[in-house]
Every structure is written in structure tokens, then in C-alpha cells.
Amino acid sequence: MDIIVCIKQVPNTTDVKIDPETNTLVREGVESIINPFDTYAIEEAVRLKGRFGGKVTVITMGPPQAESSLREAISVGGDEAILISDRAFAGSDTWATSYTLSKAIQRIGKYDLIICGKQASDGDTAQVGPGISAHLGIPQVTYVKKIEAIGDGKAKVERMTEEGYEVMETPLPCLFTVVKEINDPRLPSLKGKMKAKSAQITTWKAQDISCDSRNIGLEGSPTKVVKIFTPPPRQKGQMLQGEPREVVDKLVDLLKNEVR
């Protein structure tokens, strides 16, 4: 089974800084880690490889420093790693990002399954995984908490919902986004660390994956951040006391004063 895992390197901090000129995240000088949700995607891919054989290819789109996250993915069981890095990708929104990743996957060619974390901790949109499947024209199942079975060209999974879970069956190839309930990610072994240290990381630029320049970066992004600001602190609340009827009358009077 050939599995592709899409990961993202994110800032290891809650103190996110924004470039006022471009309205994009400032990543320079900030420690970065693999998006926590993506560690579950890597682990599930490695477990499936253990059950069915095959290969796990890990890809990420980002600056050159994202190579460290790819090496970390190799240290816990990934077989190959590809960095998609080009200044032309800077400022990509979720649509442009999913387009770029889909073009890289098309160049890889053969795959049975694509696995992503359910969302990234720095954006929380949960849009890139589904966007990749849309660009590739393959089925998707989001919020997967368990892969029950794979065989005969299809997969059976449990998908988490607010009320419980759904059991779904989908043809392969397909894309899954997984939740943290699916597994417990392993720590890298000494052998894995040595493998990661010497691994060859392939780097592709926009022209290597035949990207249309109109669909990448800021210019290719349908959504743009126009303004970012810190919301003003909430004003202190006012406690109304008295009998229920008195409280209602006071509240009505306050509301009337606000709308005048």
C-alpha cells in the first residue's frame, strides 16, 4: 500500500506575530514543530504500512526550515520525504495550498491513500485536506477516528461526530483527515534518528510540479487577509438584582438606552 501523508510545520508558540505589510505569519526566529494533529496522521500511515506493507511518503509545503519536520517524520517510520518550497508559494491561502499539494501528489503518481491531520494549529480551518481531495477528484472522509478495514479496493472507517461516530465505506484511492483519538504517536528510535539524519530530502519548486502561477501564492489565493487587529477588552458586566419582574424591567430600560 502506497500512502502519502501531508504535514505542516507550525510555530511552537501561542504568541503568533503577524507581518503588518503582508498580513502573513512571521516564522523567522520562532521555534517550529510538526503540526500536532499531523503526528497522528504519520503514526496511522506507519501502522498501516506495518499491516499491509508498502511505502509512506511524507510531503510538506513550506520554507527550507520545514526540512527538519520531514526528518522527524522519517525518524518515526516515514520512508521518503518531499519538501515543496518556492518563494512563489508565499502567502498561499488554504485553496492555493491544497492546489499546490495536489500538484505534488500528481507528480508522485501512485498512491492508495492520503492522510492528513484534521486541521493545523496555526490556522484551524480544516480546509486543506478536503481541498486536496477536491483538486484530485477523489473521495474524502474527515475526522476519522478508526480505520476498521482495508481491502478489495475500499476502506471501512469510523468517523467522529458530535453525537458519536459514523461507520463509512469508501473506494480507494481516497483521502482521510484524522483526529487524535485514532492512535498514540510513537517516539523516534535511535535507529530511526540515524535514518532521518542521513535521509535524502527531495525538494520541488513550482515549476517542478507544473503549477499554474495564477493559482499559487498571494496572487493565486481567492481569500486574502485585509486587516488583523486585537479586539478591545470586554467591558465589565453589570449585575442586575431584585425580583424576576424587577430585573426584567431594569434590563428592558438598559436595552432601550443602548438603542436610542
Protein backbone atom coordinates (compact mmCIF):
# COMPACT_ATOMS: atom_id res chain seq x y z
CA MET A 1 0.00 0.00 0.00
CA ASP A 2 1.37 3.40 -1.02
CA ILE A 3 0.43 6.11 1.48
CA ILE A 4 1.07 9.85 1.27
CA VAL A 5 1.00 11.93 4.44
CA CYS A 6 0.66 15.71 4.18
CA ILE A 7 2.12 17.59 7.14
CA LYS A 8 2.70 21.22 8.07
CA GLN A 9 5.36 22.89 10.16
CA VAL A 10 3.80 25.37 12.60
CA PRO A 11 5.12 27.80 15.22
CA ASN A 12 5.68 26.20 18.62
CA THR A 13 4.10 29.13 20.42
CA THR A 14 0.80 30.82 21.12
CA ASP A 15 2.48 34.22 20.70
CA VAL A 16 1.95 34.41 16.95
CA LYS A 17 3.26 37.56 15.26
CA ILE A 18 1.86 38.97 12.01
CA ASP A 19 3.78 40.89 9.35
CA PRO A 20 1.85 44.20 9.07
CA GLU A 21 2.84 44.58 5.42
CA THR A 22 1.76 41.16 4.12
CA ASN A 23 -0.65 40.10 6.91
CA THR A 24 1.07 36.70 7.00
CA LEU A 25 2.65 34.81 9.90
CA VAL A 26 6.18 35.77 10.89
CA ARG A 27 8.07 32.46 11.12
CA GLU A 28 11.66 33.72 11.31
CA GLY A 29 13.17 33.31 14.75
CA VAL A 30 10.26 31.21 16.04
CA GLU A 31 10.78 27.58 17.02
CA SER A 32 8.75 25.31 14.74
CA ILE A 33 7.28 21.83 15.17
CA ILE A 34 5.18 19.37 13.22
CA ASN A 35 1.53 20.38 13.46
CA PRO A 36 0.37 18.22 16.43
CA PHE A 37 -2.61 16.78 14.53
CA ASP A 38 -0.26 15.65 11.74
CA THR A 39 1.69 13.42 14.12
CA TYR A 40 -1.39 11.18 14.33
CA ALA A 41 -1.55 11.06 10.53
CA ILE A 42 2.09 9.94 10.35
CA GLU A 43 1.57 7.30 13.03
CA GLU A 44 -1.52 5.87 11.33
CA ALA A 45 0.30 5.66 8.00
CA VAL A 46 3.21 3.79 9.62
CA ARG A 47 0.78 1.39 11.31
CA LEU A 48 -0.99 0.70 8.02
CA LYS A 49 2.37 0.03 6.37
CA GLY A 50 3.06 -2.49 9.13
CA ARG A 51 -0.26 -4.23 8.41
CA PHE A 52 -0.26 -4.14 4.62
CA GLY A 53 3.31 -3.38 3.55
CA GLY A 54 4.13 -0.65 1.08
CA LYS A 55 5.64 2.80 1.49
CA VAL A 56 4.95 6.03 3.38
CA THR A 57 5.83 9.27 1.61
CA VAL A 58 5.65 12.44 3.69
CA ILE A 59 5.27 15.82 1.98
CA THR A 60 5.10 19.38 3.22
CA MET A 61 4.90 22.82 1.66
CA GLY A 62 6.95 25.48 3.38
CA PRO A 63 10.28 27.29 3.69
CA PRO A 64 13.61 25.41 3.70
CA GLN A 65 13.49 25.09 7.50
CA ALA A 66 10.50 22.72 7.13
CA GLU A 67 13.04 20.03 6.19
CA SER A 68 13.55 19.40 9.92
CA SER A 69 9.90 18.31 10.27
CA LEU A 70 10.29 15.91 7.35
CA ARG A 71 13.33 14.35 9.00
CA GLU A 72 11.34 13.96 12.20
CA ALA A 73 8.63 12.17 10.21
CA ILE A 74 11.25 9.78 8.79
CA SER A 75 12.58 9.10 12.30
CA VAL A 76 9.22 7.61 13.32
CA GLY A 77 8.70 5.43 10.25
CA GLY A 78 8.33 7.52 7.10
CA ASP A 79 10.18 6.14 4.08
CA GLU A 80 10.55 9.13 1.77
CA ALA A 81 10.13 12.88 2.21
CA ILE A 82 9.46 15.71 -0.22
CA LEU A 83 9.73 19.42 0.53
CA ILE A 84 7.70 21.72 -1.72
CA SER A 85 9.45 25.04 -1.34
CA ASP A 86 9.44 28.14 -3.50
CA ARG A 87 9.14 31.84 -2.73
CA ALA A 88 6.29 31.85 -5.23
CA PHE A 89 4.19 29.93 -2.68
CA ALA A 90 4.46 32.64 -0.01
CA GLY A 91 1.11 33.89 1.26
CA SER A 92 -0.92 30.98 -0.11
CA ASP A 93 -4.36 30.58 1.44
CA THR A 94 -5.94 27.17 2.01
CA TRP A 95 -7.16 26.93 -1.60
CA ALA A 96 -3.75 27.71 -3.09
CA THR A 97 -2.04 25.43 -0.58
CA SER A 98 -4.30 22.48 -1.37
CA TYR A 99 -3.80 23.14 -5.10
CA THR A 100 -0.02 23.08 -4.69
CA LEU A 101 -0.05 19.90 -2.61
CA SER A 102 -2.34 18.21 -5.12
CA LYS A 103 0.08 19.06 -7.94
CA ALA A 104 2.91 17.47 -5.95
CA ILE A 105 0.80 14.37 -5.33
CA GLN A 106 0.04 14.15 -9.04
CA ARG A 107 3.76 14.14 -9.73
CA ILE A 108 4.28 11.37 -7.17
CA GLY A 109 1.71 9.45 -9.18
CA LYS A 110 0.94 6.15 -7.48
CA TYR A 111 -0.91 6.20 -4.16
CA ASP A 112 -3.71 4.31 -2.43
CA LEU A 113 -4.35 6.63 0.48
CA ILE A 114 -3.63 10.23 1.52
CA ILE A 115 -3.72 11.04 5.24
CA CYS A 116 -3.77 14.50 6.82
CA GLY A 117 -4.29 15.80 10.33
CA LYS A 118 -7.78 17.20 10.82
CA GLN A 119 -6.51 20.80 10.94
CA ALA A 120 -3.44 22.94 11.56
CA SER A 121 -2.88 24.55 14.95
CA ASP A 122 -1.91 27.91 13.43
CA GLY A 123 -4.96 28.29 11.21
CA ASP A 124 -7.64 25.88 12.49
CA THR A 125 -9.50 25.96 9.17
CA ALA A 126 -9.59 22.18 8.49
CA GLN A 127 -9.80 23.07 4.77
CA VAL A 128 -6.54 21.88 3.23
CA GLY A 129 -7.21 18.13 3.42
CA PRO A 130 -10.66 18.35 1.83
CA GLY A 131 -9.24 20.84 -0.69
CA ILE A 132 -6.60 18.34 -1.81
CA SER A 133 -9.24 15.67 -2.42
CA ALA A 134 -11.33 18.16 -4.42
CA HIS A 135 -8.38 19.10 -6.65
CA LEU A 136 -7.54 15.43 -7.19
CA GLY A 137 -11.15 14.37 -7.69
CA ILE A 138 -11.02 11.56 -5.11
CA PRO A 139 -13.32 10.71 -2.15
CA GLN A 140 -12.61 12.11 1.31
CA VAL A 141 -13.61 11.17 4.84
CA THR A 142 -12.92 13.74 7.55
CA TYR A 143 -12.50 13.28 11.33
CA VAL A 144 -11.56 9.61 11.04
CA LYS A 145 -11.12 8.02 14.48
CA LYS A 146 -10.55 4.42 13.40
CA ILE A 147 -9.69 2.55 10.22
CA GLU A 148 -11.56 -0.71 10.61
CA ALA A 149 -10.60 -2.49 7.40
CA ILE A 150 -8.93 -2.03 4.03
CA GLY A 151 -9.28 -4.49 1.18
CA ASP A 152 -10.82 -5.17 -2.22
CA GLY A 153 -10.19 -1.59 -3.30
CA LYS A 154 -12.12 0.04 -0.45
CA ALA A 155 -11.77 1.12 3.17
CA LYS A 156 -14.16 0.98 6.11
CA VAL A 157 -13.72 3.65 8.80
CA GLU A 158 -15.31 5.22 11.84
CA ARG A 159 -15.84 8.97 11.51
CA MET A 160 -16.22 11.05 14.67
CA THR A 161 -19.31 13.26 15.03
CA GLU A 162 -20.65 15.45 17.83
CA GLU A 163 -23.14 12.72 18.79
CA GLY A 164 -20.79 9.72 18.48
CA TYR A 165 -19.43 8.24 15.26
CA GLU A 166 -20.49 7.07 11.81
CA VAL A 167 -19.30 3.92 10.06
CA MET A 168 -18.47 4.70 6.44
CA GLU A 169 -17.12 2.78 3.46
CA THR A 170 -15.23 4.46 0.63
CA PRO A 171 -13.42 3.33 -2.52
CA LEU A 172 -9.67 3.73 -2.84
CA PRO A 173 -7.77 5.90 -3.53
CA CYS A 174 -9.18 8.37 -1.04
CA LEU A 175 -8.15 10.99 1.50
CA PHE A 176 -8.63 10.81 5.26
CA THR A 177 -8.25 13.56 7.83
CA VAL A 178 -7.69 12.00 11.25
CA VAL A 179 -8.37 13.05 14.84
CA LYS A 180 -6.15 12.49 17.85
CA GLU A 181 -8.37 9.67 19.12
CA ILE A 182 -7.12 7.42 16.32
CA ASN A 183 -3.80 6.43 17.95
CA ASP A 184 -0.87 7.35 20.20
CA PRO A 185 2.11 8.59 18.16
CA ARG A 186 5.38 6.79 18.85
CA LEU A 187 8.68 8.35 19.81
CA PRO A 188 11.62 8.04 17.40
CA SER A 189 14.04 5.17 18.00
CA LEU A 190 17.83 5.54 17.80
CA LYS A 191 17.75 3.65 14.51
CA GLY A 192 15.04 5.99 13.25
CA LYS A 193 17.04 9.06 14.23
CA MET A 194 20.09 7.76 12.39
CA LYS A 195 17.99 7.04 9.31
CA ALA A 196 16.47 10.52 9.41
CA LYS A 197 19.86 12.19 9.78
CA SER A 198 21.19 10.64 6.58
CA ALA A 199 17.93 10.68 4.59
CA GLN A 200 17.82 12.41 1.23
CA ILE A 201 15.10 15.06 1.21
CA THR A 202 13.75 15.84 -2.25
CA THR A 203 12.89 19.49 -2.91
CA TRP A 204 10.45 20.58 -5.60
CA LYS A 205 9.80 24.11 -6.78
CA ALA A 206 6.68 25.41 -8.51
CA GLN A 207 7.98 24.56 -11.98
CA ASP A 208 8.89 21.01 -10.90
CA ILE A 209 5.23 20.21 -10.21
CA SER A 210 3.81 22.20 -13.13
CA CYS A 211 1.98 24.75 -11.00
CA ASP A 212 -0.03 27.43 -12.77
CA SER A 213 1.38 30.72 -11.43
CA ARG A 214 -2.16 32.12 -11.31
CA ASN A 215 -3.10 29.55 -8.64
CA ILE A 216 -0.26 29.92 -6.11
CA GLY A 217 0.93 32.43 -3.55
CA LEU A 218 -0.87 35.62 -2.65
CA GLU A 219 -1.92 36.30 -6.23
CA GLY A 220 -3.46 32.85 -6.59
CA SER A 221 -5.35 32.97 -3.31
CA PRO A 222 -9.09 33.74 -3.56
CA THR A 223 -9.14 34.76 0.12
CA LYS A 224 -6.88 37.46 1.49
CA VAL A 225 -6.33 38.84 4.98
CA VAL A 226 -7.28 42.51 4.72
CA LYS A 227 -6.75 43.50 8.35
CA ILE A 228 -5.64 41.90 11.59
CA PHE A 229 -6.23 43.53 14.95
CA THR A 230 -6.54 42.70 18.62
CA PRO A 231 -10.17 43.03 19.74
CA PRO A 232 -10.75 45.59 22.51
CA PRO A 233 -11.09 44.20 26.04
CA ARG A 234 -14.63 43.37 27.09
CA GLN A 235 -16.26 45.91 29.35
CA LYS A 236 -17.11 44.93 32.89
CA GLY A 237 -20.55 43.37 33.13
CA GLN A 238 -23.37 44.75 35.23
CA MET A 239 -25.20 42.53 37.70
CA LEU A 240 -28.94 43.15 37.98
CA GLN A 241 -30.50 42.21 41.28
CA GLY A 242 -34.02 42.01 42.59
CA GLU A 243 -37.19 40.04 41.95
CA PRO A 244 -37.54 38.49 38.46
CA ARG A 245 -40.05 41.14 37.32
CA GLU A 246 -37.83 43.95 38.61
CA VAL A 247 -34.78 42.51 36.85
CA VAL A 248 -36.70 42.26 33.55
CA ASP A 249 -37.81 45.89 33.80
CA LYS A 250 -34.25 47.05 34.54
CA LEU A 251 -32.89 45.04 31.61
CA VAL A 252 -35.50 46.48 29.23
CA ASP A 253 -34.64 50.02 30.34
CA LEU A 254 -30.91 49.38 29.77
CA LEU A 255 -31.53 47.98 26.31
CA LYS A 256 -33.71 50.95 25.39
CA ASN A 257 -30.92 53.32 26.43
CA GLU A 258 -28.42 51.43 24.27
CA VAL A 259 -30.50 51.63 21.07
CA ARG A 260 -31.54 55.28 21.38
